[in-house]
Amino acid sequence: PLTVLEARAAIDTTAEMEDRPWVA
């Protein structure tokens, strides 16, 4: 498993890695 911080970072960072808002 990931740590709590890693899991949250993975989800939160998703929005920053995609230019199309609906895909993010």
PDB file of all heavy atoms in Angstrom:
ATOM      1  N   PRO A   1       0.828  -1.209   0.000  1.00  0.00           N
ATOM      2  CA  PRO A   1       0.000   0.000   0.000  1.00  0.00           C
ATOM      3  C   PRO A   1       0.858   1.253   0.000  1.00  0.00           C
ATOM      4  O   PRO A   1       2.032   1.236   0.366  1.00  0.00           O
ATOM      5  CB  PRO A   1      -0.786  -0.117   1.309  1.00  0.00           C
ATOM      6  CG  PRO A   1       0.120  -0.903   2.200  1.00  0.00           C
ATOM      7  CD  PRO A   1       0.849  -1.877   1.307  1.00  0.00           C
ATOM      8  N   LEU A   2       0.243   2.350  -0.418  1.00  0.00           N
ATOM      9  CA  LEU A   2       0.878   3.657  -0.312  1.00  0.00           C
ATOM     10  C   LEU A   2       0.629   4.204   1.093  1.00  0.00           C
ATOM     11  O   LEU A   2      -0.274   3.758   1.803  1.00  0.00           O
ATOM     12  CB  LEU A   2       0.283   4.616  -1.343  1.00  0.00           C
ATOM     13  CG  LEU A   2       0.356   4.187  -2.809  1.00  0.00           C
ATOM     14  CD1 LEU A   2      -0.314   5.236  -3.681  1.00  0.00           C
ATOM     15  CD2 LEU A   2       1.788   3.974  -3.250  1.00  0.00           C
ATOM     16  N   THR A   3       1.408   5.182   1.476  1.00  0.00           N
ATOM     17  CA  THR A   3       1.113   5.875   2.729  1.00  0.00           C
ATOM     18  C   THR A   3      -0.105   6.771   2.500  1.00  0.00           C
ATOM     19  O   THR A   3      -0.517   7.010   1.352  1.00  0.00           O
ATOM     20  CB  THR A   3       2.300   6.742   3.173  1.00  0.00           C
ATOM     21  OG1 THR A   3       2.478   7.806   2.220  1.00  0.00           O
ATOM     22  CG2 THR A   3       3.587   5.924   3.257  1.00  0.00           C
ATOM     23  N   VAL A   4      -0.659   7.269   3.583  1.00  0.00           N
ATOM     24  CA  VAL A   4      -1.806   8.176   3.456  1.00  0.00           C
ATOM     25  C   VAL A   4      -1.425   9.401   2.629  1.00  0.00           C
ATOM     26  O   VAL A   4      -2.170   9.824   1.736  1.00  0.00           O
ATOM     27  CB  VAL A   4      -2.304   8.608   4.858  1.00  0.00           C
ATOM     28  CG1 VAL A   4      -3.387   9.682   4.729  1.00  0.00           C
ATOM     29  CG2 VAL A   4      -2.843   7.400   5.626  1.00  0.00           C
ATOM     30  N   LEU A   5      -0.258   9.968   2.906  1.00  0.00           N
ATOM     31  CA  LEU A   5       0.179  11.161   2.166  1.00  0.00           C
ATOM     32  C   LEU A   5       0.402  10.863   0.690  1.00  0.00           C
ATOM     33  O   LEU A   5       0.054  11.668  -0.180  1.00  0.00           O
ATOM     34  CB  LEU A   5       1.460  11.721   2.794  1.00  0.00           C
ATOM     35  CG  LEU A   5       1.313  12.354   4.186  1.00  0.00           C
ATOM     36  CD1 LEU A   5       2.672  12.814   4.701  1.00  0.00           C
ATOM     37  CD2 LEU A   5       0.333  13.532   4.147  1.00  0.00           C
ATOM     38  N   GLU A   6       0.978   9.698   0.388  1.00  0.00           N
ATOM     39  CA  GLU A   6       1.201   9.325  -1.016  1.00  0.00           C
ATOM     40  C   GLU A   6      -0.110   9.141  -1.755  1.00  0.00           C
ATOM     41  O   GLU A   6      -0.264   9.584  -2.903  1.00  0.00           O
ATOM     42  CB  GLU A   6       2.032   8.042  -1.084  1.00  0.00           C
ATOM     43  CG  GLU A   6       3.497   8.217  -0.725  1.00  0.00           C
ATOM     44  CD  GLU A   6       4.249   6.915  -0.627  1.00  0.00           C
ATOM     45  OE1 GLU A   6       3.583   5.847  -0.449  1.00  0.00           O
ATOM     46  OE2 GLU A   6       5.487   6.921  -0.711  1.00  0.00           O
ATOM     47  N   ALA A   7      -1.069   8.470  -1.106  1.00  0.00           N
ATOM     48  CA  ALA A   7      -2.363   8.240  -1.743  1.00  0.00           C
ATOM     49  C   ALA A   7      -3.080   9.566  -2.017  1.00  0.00           C
ATOM     50  O   ALA A   7      -3.633   9.782  -3.105  1.00  0.00           O
ATOM     51  CB  ALA A   7      -3.224   7.339  -0.861  1.00  0.00           C
ATOM     52  N   ARG A   8      -3.063  10.452  -1.031  1.00  0.00           N
ATOM     53  CA  ARG A   8      -3.722  11.755  -1.221  1.00  0.00           C
ATOM     54  C   ARG A   8      -3.027  12.562  -2.313  1.00  0.00           C
ATOM     55  O   ARG A   8      -3.684  13.200  -3.152  1.00  0.00           O
ATOM     56  CB  ARG A   8      -3.701  12.535   0.088  1.00  0.00           C
ATOM     57  CG  ARG A   8      -4.683  12.012   1.121  1.00  0.00           C
ATOM     58  CD  ARG A   8      -4.548  12.789   2.413  1.00  0.00           C
ATOM     59  NE  ARG A   8      -5.544  12.379   3.406  1.00  0.00           N
ATOM     60  CZ  ARG A   8      -5.526  12.766   4.665  1.00  0.00           C
ATOM     61  NH1 ARG A   8      -4.568  13.579   5.100  1.00  0.00           N
ATOM     62  NH2 ARG A   8      -6.457  12.354   5.503  1.00  0.00           N
ATOM     63  N   ALA A   9      -1.691  12.516  -2.325  1.00  0.00           N
ATOM     64  CA  ALA A   9      -0.936  13.265  -3.328  1.00  0.00           C
ATOM     65  C   ALA A   9      -1.236  12.746  -4.727  1.00  0.00           C
ATOM     66  O   ALA A   9      -1.352  13.528  -5.681  1.00  0.00           O
ATOM     67  CB  ALA A   9       0.563  13.174  -3.046  1.00  0.00           C
ATOM     68  N   ALA A  10      -1.363  11.425  -4.868  1.00  0.00           N
ATOM     69  CA  ALA A  10      -1.649  10.839  -6.173  1.00  0.00           C
ATOM     70  C   ALA A  10      -2.979  11.349  -6.725  1.00  0.00           C
ATOM     71  O   ALA A  10      -3.095  11.671  -7.916  1.00  0.00           O
ATOM     72  CB  ALA A  10      -1.663   9.317  -6.075  1.00  0.00           C
ATOM     73  N   ILE A  11      -3.977  11.433  -5.854  1.00  0.00           N
ATOM     74  CA  ILE A  11      -5.298  11.900  -6.300  1.00  0.00           C
ATOM     75  C   ILE A  11      -5.294  13.405  -6.537  1.00  0.00           C
ATOM     76  O   ILE A  11      -5.773  13.894  -7.561  1.00  0.00           O
ATOM     77  CB  ILE A  11      -6.368  11.501  -5.267  1.00  0.00           C
ATOM     78  CG1 ILE A  11      -6.485   9.968  -5.223  1.00  0.00           C
ATOM     79  CG2 ILE A  11      -7.718  12.127  -5.609  1.00  0.00           C
ATOM     80  CD1 ILE A  11      -7.348   9.438  -4.105  1.00  0.00           C
ATOM     81  N   ASP A  12      -4.721  14.156  -5.605  1.00  0.00           N
ATOM     82  CA  ASP A  12      -4.733  15.617  -5.719  1.00  0.00           C
ATOM     83  C   ASP A  12      -3.914  16.108  -6.919  1.00  0.00           C
ATOM     84  O   ASP A  12      -4.284  17.090  -7.564  1.00  0.00           O
ATOM     85  CB  ASP A  12      -4.193  16.256  -4.438  1.00  0.00           C
ATOM     86  CG  ASP A  12      -5.109  16.014  -3.244  1.00  0.00           C
ATOM     87  OD1 ASP A  12      -6.280  15.655  -3.471  1.00  0.00           O
ATOM     88  OD2 ASP A  12      -4.648  16.162  -2.099  1.00  0.00           O
ATOM     89  N   THR A  13      -2.816  15.442  -7.223  1.00  0.00           N
ATOM     90  CA  THR A  13      -1.946  15.870  -8.314  1.00  0.00           C
ATOM     91  C   THR A  13      -2.545  15.568  -9.682  1.00  0.00           C
ATOM     92  O   THR A  13      -2.152  16.157 -10.683  1.00  0.00           O
ATOM     93  CB  THR A  13      -0.558  15.191  -8.183  1.00  0.00           C
ATOM     94  OG1 THR A  13      -0.044  15.439  -6.885  1.00  0.00           O
ATOM     95  CG2 THR A  13       0.434  15.726  -9.205  1.00  0.00           C
ATOM     96  N   THR A  14      -3.519  14.658  -9.716  1.00  0.00           N
ATOM     97  CA  THR A  14      -4.150  14.287 -10.983  1.00  0.00           C
ATOM     98  C   THR A  14      -4.674  15.502 -11.726  1.00  0.00           C
ATOM     99  O   THR A  14      -4.524  15.618 -12.943  1.00  0.00           O
ATOM    100  CB  THR A  14      -5.293  13.282 -10.720  1.00  0.00           C
ATOM    101  OG1 THR A  14      -4.711  12.054 -10.276  1.00  0.00           O
ATOM    102  CG2 THR A  14      -6.097  13.020 -11.967  1.00  0.00           C
ATOM    103  N   ALA A  15      -5.285  16.424 -11.004  1.00  0.00           N
ATOM    104  CA  ALA A  15      -5.874  17.612 -11.637  1.00  0.00           C
ATOM    105  C   ALA A  15      -4.820  18.501 -12.282  1.00  0.00           C
ATOM    106  O   ALA A  15      -5.120  19.253 -13.215  1.00  0.00           O
ATOM    107  CB  ALA A  15      -6.671  18.404 -10.612  1.00  0.00           C
ATOM    108  N   GLU A  16      -3.572  18.415 -11.804  1.00  0.00           N
ATOM    109  CA  GLU A  16      -2.515  19.287 -12.323  1.00  0.00           C
ATOM    110  C   GLU A  16      -1.819  18.706 -13.555  1.00  0.00           C
ATOM    111  O   GLU A  16      -1.010  19.384 -14.184  1.00  0.00           O
ATOM    112  CB  GLU A  16      -1.465  19.509 -11.214  1.00  0.00           C
ATOM    113  CG  GLU A  16      -2.048  20.104  -9.935  1.00  0.00           C
ATOM    114  CD  GLU A  16      -1.035  20.089  -8.794  1.00  0.00           C
ATOM    115  OE1 GLU A  16       0.152  19.784  -9.078  1.00  0.00           O
ATOM    116  OE2 GLU A  16      -1.426  20.367  -7.648  1.00  0.00           O
ATOM    117  N   MET A  17      -2.123  17.453 -13.900  1.00  0.00           N
ATOM    118  CA  MET A  17      -1.384  16.785 -14.963  1.00  0.00           C
ATOM    119  C   MET A  17      -2.173  16.656 -16.264  1.00  0.00           C
ATOM    120  O   MET A  17      -1.749  15.981 -17.179  1.00  0.00           O
ATOM    121  CB  MET A  17      -0.945  15.399 -14.483  1.00  0.00           C
ATOM    122  CG  MET A  17      -0.008  15.445 -13.296  1.00  0.00           C
ATOM    123  SD  MET A  17       0.579  13.818 -12.797  1.00  0.00           S
ATOM    124  CE  MET A  17       1.510  13.320 -14.245  1.00  0.00           C
ATOM    125  N   GLU A  18      -3.329  17.279 -16.317  1.00  0.00           N
ATOM    126  CA  GLU A  18      -4.182  17.157 -17.504  1.00  0.00           C
ATOM    127  C   GLU A  18      -4.769  18.515 -17.861  1.00  0.00           C
ATOM    128  O   GLU A  18      -5.363  19.176 -17.015  1.00  0.00           O
ATOM    129  CB  GLU A  18      -5.293  16.128 -17.216  1.00  0.00           C
ATOM    130  CG  GLU A  18      -6.351  16.018 -18.282  1.00  0.00           C
ATOM    131  CD  GLU A  18      -5.787  15.660 -19.650  1.00  0.00           C
ATOM    132  OE1 GLU A  18      -5.089  14.634 -19.765  1.00  0.00           O
ATOM    133  OE2 GLU A  18      -6.058  16.432 -20.604  1.00  0.00           O
ATOM    134  N   ASP A  19      -4.599  18.951 -19.137  1.00  0.00           N
ATOM    135  CA  ASP A  19      -5.092  20.260 -19.581  1.00  0.00           C
ATOM    136  C   ASP A  19      -6.602  20.287 -19.761  1.00  0.00           C
ATOM    137  O   ASP A  19      -7.216  21.351 -19.689  1.00  0.00           O
ATOM    138  CB  ASP A  19      -4.411  20.649 -20.902  1.00  0.00           C
ATOM    139  CG  ASP A  19      -2.914  20.881 -20.718  1.00  0.00           C
ATOM    140  OD1 ASP A  19      -2.515  21.240 -19.597  1.00  0.00           O
ATOM    141  OD2 ASP A  19      -2.162  20.678 -21.690  1.00  0.00           O
ATOM    142  N   ARG A  20      -7.198  19.138 -20.050  1.00  0.00           N
ATOM    143  CA  ARG A  20      -8.650  19.091 -20.271  1.00  0.00           C
ATOM    144  C   ARG A  20      -9.349  18.867 -18.931  1.00  0.00           C
ATOM    145  O   ARG A  20      -9.205  17.788 -18.323  1.00  0.00           O
ATOM    146  CB  ARG A  20      -8.983  17.957 -21.245  1.00  0.00           C
ATOM    147  CG  ARG A  20      -8.466  18.193 -22.659  1.00  0.00           C
ATOM    148  CD  ARG A  20      -8.432  16.928 -23.487  1.00  0.00           C
ATOM    149  NE  ARG A  20      -7.444  15.973 -22.963  1.00  0.00           N
ATOM    150  CZ  ARG A  20      -7.108  14.840 -23.569  1.00  0.00           C
ATOM    151  NH1 ARG A  20      -7.693  14.511 -24.710  1.00  0.00           N
ATOM    152  NH2 ARG A  20      -6.198  14.044 -23.045  1.00  0.00           N
ATOM    153  N   PRO A  21     -10.092  19.845 -18.444  1.00  0.00           N
ATOM    154  CA  PRO A  21     -10.693  19.743 -17.103  1.00  0.00           C
ATOM    155  C   PRO A  21     -11.557  18.505 -16.909  1.00  0.00           C
ATOM    156  O   PRO A  21     -11.533  17.895 -15.839  1.00  0.00           O
ATOM    157  CB  PRO A  21     -11.516  21.030 -16.990  1.00  0.00           C
ATOM    158  CG  PRO A  21     -10.817  21.990 -17.899  1.00  0.00           C
ATOM    159  CD  PRO A  21     -10.331  21.166 -19.048  1.00  0.00           C
ATOM    160  N   TRP A  22     -12.337  18.123 -17.935  1.00  0.00           N
ATOM    161  CA  TRP A  22     -13.237  16.983 -17.739  1.00  0.00           C
ATOM    162  C   TRP A  22     -12.449  15.671 -17.639  1.00  0.00           C
ATOM    163  O   TRP A  22     -12.837  14.773 -16.879  1.00  0.00           O
ATOM    164  CB  TRP A  22     -14.293  16.910 -18.837  1.00  0.00           C
ATOM    165  CG  TRP A  22     -13.859  16.287 -20.143  1.00  0.00           C
ATOM    166  CD1 TRP A  22     -13.301  16.923 -21.196  1.00  0.00           C
ATOM    167  CD2 TRP A  22     -13.956  14.903 -20.502  1.00  0.00           C
ATOM    168  NE1 TRP A  22     -13.034  16.029 -22.206  1.00  0.00           N
ATOM    169  CE2 TRP A  22     -13.431  14.777 -21.804  1.00  0.00           C
ATOM    170  CE3 TRP A  22     -14.423  13.761 -19.860  1.00  0.00           C
ATOM    171  CZ2 TRP A  22     -13.364  13.560 -22.482  1.00  0.00           C
ATOM    172  CZ3 TRP A  22     -14.366  12.539 -20.528  1.00  0.00           C
ATOM    173  CH2 TRP A  22     -13.845  12.449 -21.821  1.00  0.00           C
ATOM    174  N   VAL A  23     -11.331  15.575 -18.361  1.00  0.00           N
ATOM    175  CA  VAL A  23     -10.490  14.376 -18.277  1.00  0.00           C
ATOM    176  C   VAL A  23      -9.803  14.313 -16.914  1.00  0.00           C
ATOM    177  O   VAL A  23      -9.710  13.256 -16.296  1.00  0.00           O
ATOM    178  CB  VAL A  23      -9.450  14.345 -19.418  1.00  0.00           C
ATOM    179  CG1 VAL A  23      -8.480  13.179 -19.231  1.00  0.00           C
ATOM    180  CG2 VAL A  23     -10.151  14.240 -20.769  1.00  0.00           C
ATOM    181  N   ALA A  24      -9.331  15.471 -16.437  1.00  0.00           N
ATOM    182  CA  ALA A  24      -8.714  15.525 -15.113  1.00  0.00           C
ATOM    183  C   ALA A  24      -9.720  15.115 -14.039  1.00  0.00           C
ATOM    184  O   ALA A  24      -9.390  14.347 -13.124  1.00  0.00           O
ATOM    185  CB  ALA A  24      -8.182  16.932 -14.842  1.00  0.00           C
TER     186      ALA A  24
END
